[in-house]
Amino acid sequence: MCRIMAYVGDPFTEVDVRSFYQIEGRHNRDASGFAGVGEKTIYLTKSGISGPTFWTLYGSEIMEKVEISEVGLFHVRAATHGSPSDNRNNHPIFYQTDQKVSHILIHNGVVSPPEWMEKADGETDSEQLLYYWKGYGPEAWEAFQGWASVIIWDQGRVYCYKSGAPLYYKQSEQGVQLIQDIGRHWTSVPSETLFEVTAKGLVPQEKIILQPYPRFYYHRGEGDDMDLYRQGGYTYVDTDGLF
């Protein structure tokens, strides 16, 4: 699937950011993106290119924005829904009115709304999540099936959530960092609880429980058949290195 990383108040170093985009594996082959939120400006860039190529082209510019951004959202993508050739499908997913960005989302996992729910115009499950967040609030997610880790910037406030997919955080005097991969001195974000992420820590908001997939199959690329299913609260996949 994808990999996500974010900070509030405590920026990642250049080594951290470069490693995020250049790490080898399936996660970063299809698309890459970054959003930096400063005091008065929002910087957004994304493209249907691999993480290493993205870093080569935009790395220095991204680090300039990281230095002046209170919030940073990083994403690399292994596409499941929506072609990476259409940049609207790539992350960060954002919503704007009158040329003003109000919501930004990065997401890892696979989710789907029930048939009776009105669908967003976009092709990706991430757009469905953001559509229902801004329209109906996070409690609407409880009707979704799947598993996910999600980070959202919502008009100056940052939220994180996970159910099934990994997400870890680290608190410092400057703020909070969030990563998908476990590391030393990192703490797992509690599952199925929405948190507001502030420079002082994670503040619990409300419980959200996604409906599990009973079992499903899908095809991802030539010669790459995968079997992903839920059992006993855990997600299993038979293709090494996907997550």
Protein backbone atom coordinates (compact mmCIF):
# COMPACT_ATOMS: atom_id res chain seq x y z
CA MET A 1 0.00 0.00 0.00
CA CYS A 2 1.48 3.37 1.06
CA ARG A 3 3.69 4.95 3.69
CA ILE A 4 2.89 8.10 5.65
CA MET A 5 4.81 10.45 7.93
CA ALA A 6 3.93 13.75 9.60
CA TYR A 7 4.98 16.26 12.22
CA VAL A 8 3.39 19.03 14.26
CA GLY A 9 5.87 21.55 15.69
CA ASP A 10 8.91 19.25 15.53
CA PRO A 11 10.20 18.98 11.93
CA PHE A 12 11.99 15.91 10.64
CA THR A 13 15.65 16.22 9.68
CA GLU A 14 16.81 16.05 6.09
CA VAL A 15 18.15 12.56 6.78
CA ASP A 16 14.68 11.46 7.96
CA VAL A 17 12.88 12.92 4.96
CA ARG A 18 15.38 11.61 2.42
CA SER A 19 15.19 8.14 3.95
CA PHE A 20 11.39 8.25 3.82
CA TYR A 21 11.32 8.90 0.07
CA GLN A 22 14.32 6.78 -0.89
CA ILE A 23 13.56 3.61 1.10
CA GLU A 24 13.52 0.57 -1.15
CA GLY A 25 10.33 -1.44 -1.60
CA ARG A 26 6.89 -1.47 -3.14
CA HIS A 27 5.53 1.35 -1.01
CA ASN A 28 7.04 4.22 -2.97
CA ARG A 29 6.89 3.08 -6.60
CA ASP A 30 3.77 4.84 -7.94
CA ALA A 31 3.48 8.38 -6.53
CA SER A 32 4.87 10.76 -3.93
CA GLY A 33 3.85 13.99 -2.26
CA PHE A 34 4.36 16.56 0.49
CA ALA A 35 2.32 19.29 2.17
CA GLY A 36 3.80 21.96 4.43
CA VAL A 37 1.57 24.31 6.42
CA GLY A 38 3.18 27.55 7.57
CA GLU A 39 1.83 30.55 9.41
CA LYS A 40 0.34 32.14 6.30
CA THR A 41 1.01 29.75 3.42
CA ILE A 42 0.39 26.14 2.41
CA TYR A 43 2.85 24.38 0.14
CA LEU A 44 1.58 21.32 -1.76
CA THR A 45 3.44 19.18 -4.26
CA LYS A 46 2.72 15.68 -5.54
CA SER A 47 3.41 13.65 -8.66
CA GLY A 48 2.93 10.19 -10.12
CA ILE A 49 6.61 9.32 -9.75
CA SER A 50 8.57 7.09 -7.38
CA GLY A 51 9.86 8.30 -4.04
CA PRO A 52 13.55 8.35 -5.07
CA THR A 53 12.78 10.34 -8.22
CA PHE A 54 10.54 12.72 -6.26
CA TRP A 55 13.33 13.37 -3.76
CA THR A 56 15.86 14.00 -6.53
CA LEU A 57 13.58 16.56 -8.19
CA TYR A 58 12.02 18.27 -5.18
CA GLY A 59 14.08 17.33 -2.12
CA SER A 60 15.85 20.66 -1.63
CA GLU A 61 12.62 22.62 -2.12
CA ILE A 62 10.77 20.36 0.33
CA MET A 63 13.41 20.88 3.01
CA GLU A 64 13.16 24.65 2.55
CA LYS A 65 9.43 24.40 3.23
CA VAL A 66 9.92 22.02 6.18
CA GLU A 67 12.06 24.66 7.90
CA ILE A 68 9.23 27.21 7.82
CA SER A 69 6.22 24.89 8.22
CA GLU A 70 4.57 24.16 11.56
CA VAL A 71 2.91 21.06 10.06
CA GLY A 72 4.36 18.65 7.50
CA LEU A 73 2.63 15.72 5.78
CA PHE A 74 4.63 13.19 3.71
CA HIS A 75 3.34 10.37 1.50
CA VAL A 76 4.59 7.70 -0.89
CA ARG A 77 2.13 5.51 -2.74
CA ALA A 78 1.65 2.00 -4.02
CA ALA A 79 -1.65 2.53 -5.81
CA THR A 80 -4.73 0.36 -5.28
CA HIS A 81 -7.59 2.71 -6.28
CA GLY A 82 -7.12 5.32 -9.00
CA SER A 83 -4.34 5.60 -11.55
CA PRO A 84 -1.19 7.50 -10.45
CA SER A 85 -1.11 9.08 -13.92
CA ASP A 86 -4.05 11.23 -12.75
CA ASN A 87 -2.45 13.42 -10.10
CA ARG A 88 -5.80 14.01 -8.41
CA ASN A 89 -5.55 10.43 -7.16
CA ASN A 90 -2.19 10.99 -5.50
CA HIS A 91 -1.50 12.26 -1.99
CA PRO A 92 -1.79 14.59 -0.26
CA ILE A 93 -5.49 14.63 -1.08
CA PHE A 94 -6.87 18.12 -0.48
CA TYR A 95 -10.06 20.13 -0.65
CA GLN A 96 -10.28 23.80 -1.50
CA THR A 97 -12.88 26.50 -2.07
CA ASP A 98 -12.21 29.89 -3.66
CA GLN A 99 -8.56 28.91 -4.13
CA LYS A 100 -8.15 28.34 -0.39
CA VAL A 101 -7.13 24.92 0.91
CA SER A 102 -9.21 23.89 3.92
CA HIS A 103 -8.50 20.15 4.30
CA ILE A 104 -5.48 17.93 3.57
CA LEU A 105 -5.35 14.13 4.02
CA ILE A 106 -2.72 11.39 3.82
CA HIS A 107 -3.77 7.79 4.21
CA ASN A 108 -2.47 4.24 4.23
CA GLY A 109 -4.75 1.22 3.95
CA VAL A 110 -7.83 0.09 2.08
CA VAL A 111 -11.35 1.21 2.95
CA SER A 112 -14.71 1.39 1.21
CA PRO A 113 -18.04 3.02 2.05
CA PRO A 114 -21.24 0.99 2.02
CA GLU A 115 -23.35 0.93 -1.13
CA TRP A 116 -26.01 3.22 0.32
CA MET A 117 -23.56 6.05 0.94
CA GLU A 118 -23.25 8.84 -1.59
CA LYS A 119 -19.88 8.58 -3.30
CA ALA A 120 -17.32 11.32 -3.82
CA ASP A 121 -16.40 12.21 -7.39
CA GLY A 122 -12.84 10.92 -7.12
CA GLU A 123 -11.50 7.43 -7.80
CA THR A 124 -9.68 6.75 -4.51
CA ASP A 125 -10.81 5.53 -1.11
CA SER A 126 -8.81 8.40 0.42
CA GLU A 127 -11.12 10.88 -1.30
CA GLN A 128 -14.12 9.05 0.18
CA LEU A 129 -12.65 9.44 3.67
CA LEU A 130 -11.97 13.15 3.21
CA TYR A 131 -15.38 13.71 1.59
CA TYR A 132 -17.20 12.29 4.60
CA TRP A 133 -14.89 13.95 7.08
CA LYS A 134 -15.57 17.46 5.81
CA GLY A 135 -19.25 16.82 5.11
CA TYR A 136 -20.46 14.67 7.97
CA GLY A 137 -17.72 14.42 10.57
CA PRO A 138 -15.50 11.49 11.49
CA GLU A 139 -18.34 9.42 12.95
CA ALA A 140 -19.44 8.73 9.36
CA TRP A 141 -16.33 6.59 8.99
CA GLU A 142 -17.88 3.91 11.20
CA ALA A 143 -19.97 2.80 8.22
CA PHE A 144 -16.79 2.11 6.20
CA GLN A 145 -15.23 -1.32 5.84
CA GLY A 146 -11.50 -1.86 5.92
CA TRP A 147 -8.38 -0.82 7.78
CA ALA A 148 -6.46 2.44 7.71
CA SER A 149 -4.05 4.90 9.24
CA VAL A 150 -5.05 8.49 8.47
CA ILE A 151 -3.65 11.97 9.18
CA ILE A 152 -5.76 15.05 8.39
CA TRP A 153 -5.09 18.76 8.51
CA ASP A 154 -8.43 20.49 9.01
CA GLN A 155 -8.36 24.30 8.89
CA GLY A 156 -5.46 24.64 11.30
CA ARG A 157 -5.99 21.52 13.38
CA VAL A 158 -4.37 18.10 12.87
CA TYR A 159 -5.97 14.72 13.58
CA CYS A 160 -4.74 11.15 13.37
CA TYR A 161 -6.51 7.80 13.42
CA LYS A 162 -5.66 4.16 12.90
CA SER A 163 -7.54 0.87 12.70
CA GLY A 164 -5.54 -2.17 11.65
CA ALA A 165 -2.76 -0.22 9.89
CA PRO A 166 0.35 0.78 11.87
CA LEU A 167 1.01 4.31 13.16
CA TYR A 168 3.53 5.43 15.81
CA TYR A 169 4.34 8.76 17.46
CA LYS A 170 7.12 10.45 19.40
CA GLN A 171 6.71 13.44 21.71
CA SER A 172 9.42 16.06 22.24
CA GLU A 173 9.59 19.54 23.75
CA GLN A 174 9.03 20.98 20.27
CA GLY A 175 6.06 18.85 19.21
CA VAL A 176 4.96 15.48 17.85
CA GLN A 177 6.22 13.28 15.02
CA LEU A 178 4.18 10.48 13.44
CA ILE A 179 5.55 7.59 11.39
CA GLN A 180 4.21 4.34 10.00
CA ASP A 181 7.33 2.30 10.78
CA ILE A 182 8.25 1.41 14.34
CA GLY A 183 11.48 2.81 15.74
CA ARG A 184 13.24 3.22 19.05
CA HIS A 185 11.48 5.46 21.55
CA TRP A 186 8.29 5.50 19.47
CA THR A 187 4.84 4.71 20.91
CA SER A 188 2.00 3.03 19.03
CA VAL A 189 -1.01 5.29 18.48
CA PRO A 190 -3.97 3.60 20.23
CA SER A 191 -6.33 1.94 17.76
CA GLU A 192 -9.87 3.02 16.91
CA THR A 193 -9.65 6.39 18.65
CA LEU A 194 -9.50 9.73 16.86
CA PHE A 195 -6.80 12.03 18.26
CA GLU A 196 -6.11 15.70 17.77
CA VAL A 197 -2.37 16.11 17.30
CA THR A 198 -0.99 19.21 19.03
CA ALA A 199 2.55 20.36 19.81
CA LYS A 200 1.89 19.22 23.38
CA GLY A 201 0.75 15.71 22.49
CA LEU A 202 -2.16 13.55 21.31
CA VAL A 203 -5.57 14.55 22.65
CA PRO A 204 -8.27 11.82 22.39
CA GLN A 205 -11.50 12.91 20.69
CA GLU A 206 -13.84 9.97 20.09
CA LYS A 207 -14.02 6.26 19.33
CA ILE A 208 -14.35 5.21 15.68
CA ILE A 209 -14.58 1.55 14.76
CA LEU A 210 -14.23 0.58 11.10
CA GLN A 211 -16.09 -2.50 9.96
CA PRO A 212 -13.64 -5.31 9.11
CA TYR A 213 -13.47 -6.90 5.70
CA PRO A 214 -14.55 -10.54 6.17
CA ARG A 215 -12.18 -11.63 3.38
CA PHE A 216 -11.31 -10.25 -0.02
CA TYR A 217 -8.93 -10.59 -2.92
CA TYR A 218 -7.56 -8.11 -5.40
CA HIS A 219 -4.92 -7.93 -8.12
CA ARG A 220 -2.07 -5.43 -7.92
CA GLY A 221 0.17 -5.46 -10.97
CA GLU A 222 1.20 -8.22 -13.32
CA GLY A 223 2.26 -11.37 -11.52
CA ASP A 224 1.48 -9.89 -8.13
CA ASP A 225 -1.61 -11.59 -6.72
CA MET A 226 -2.35 -10.89 -3.08
CA ASP A 227 -4.67 -12.33 -0.49
CA LEU A 228 -5.57 -9.79 2.20
CA TYR A 229 -7.98 -10.65 4.98
CA ARG A 230 -9.02 -9.94 8.54
CA GLN A 231 -8.92 -12.47 11.33
CA GLY A 232 -9.04 -11.89 15.06
CA GLY A 233 -8.50 -8.15 14.73
CA TYR A 234 -5.30 -8.48 12.68
CA THR A 235 -4.63 -7.94 8.99
CA TYR A 236 -2.68 -10.57 7.08
CA VAL A 237 -1.20 -10.46 3.60
CA ASP A 238 0.66 -13.17 1.77
CA THR A 239 3.01 -10.94 -0.22
CA ASP A 240 6.20 -10.12 1.67
CA GLY A 241 7.16 -6.49 1.97
CA LEU A 242 3.86 -4.95 0.96
CA PHE A 243 3.29 -3.23 4.26
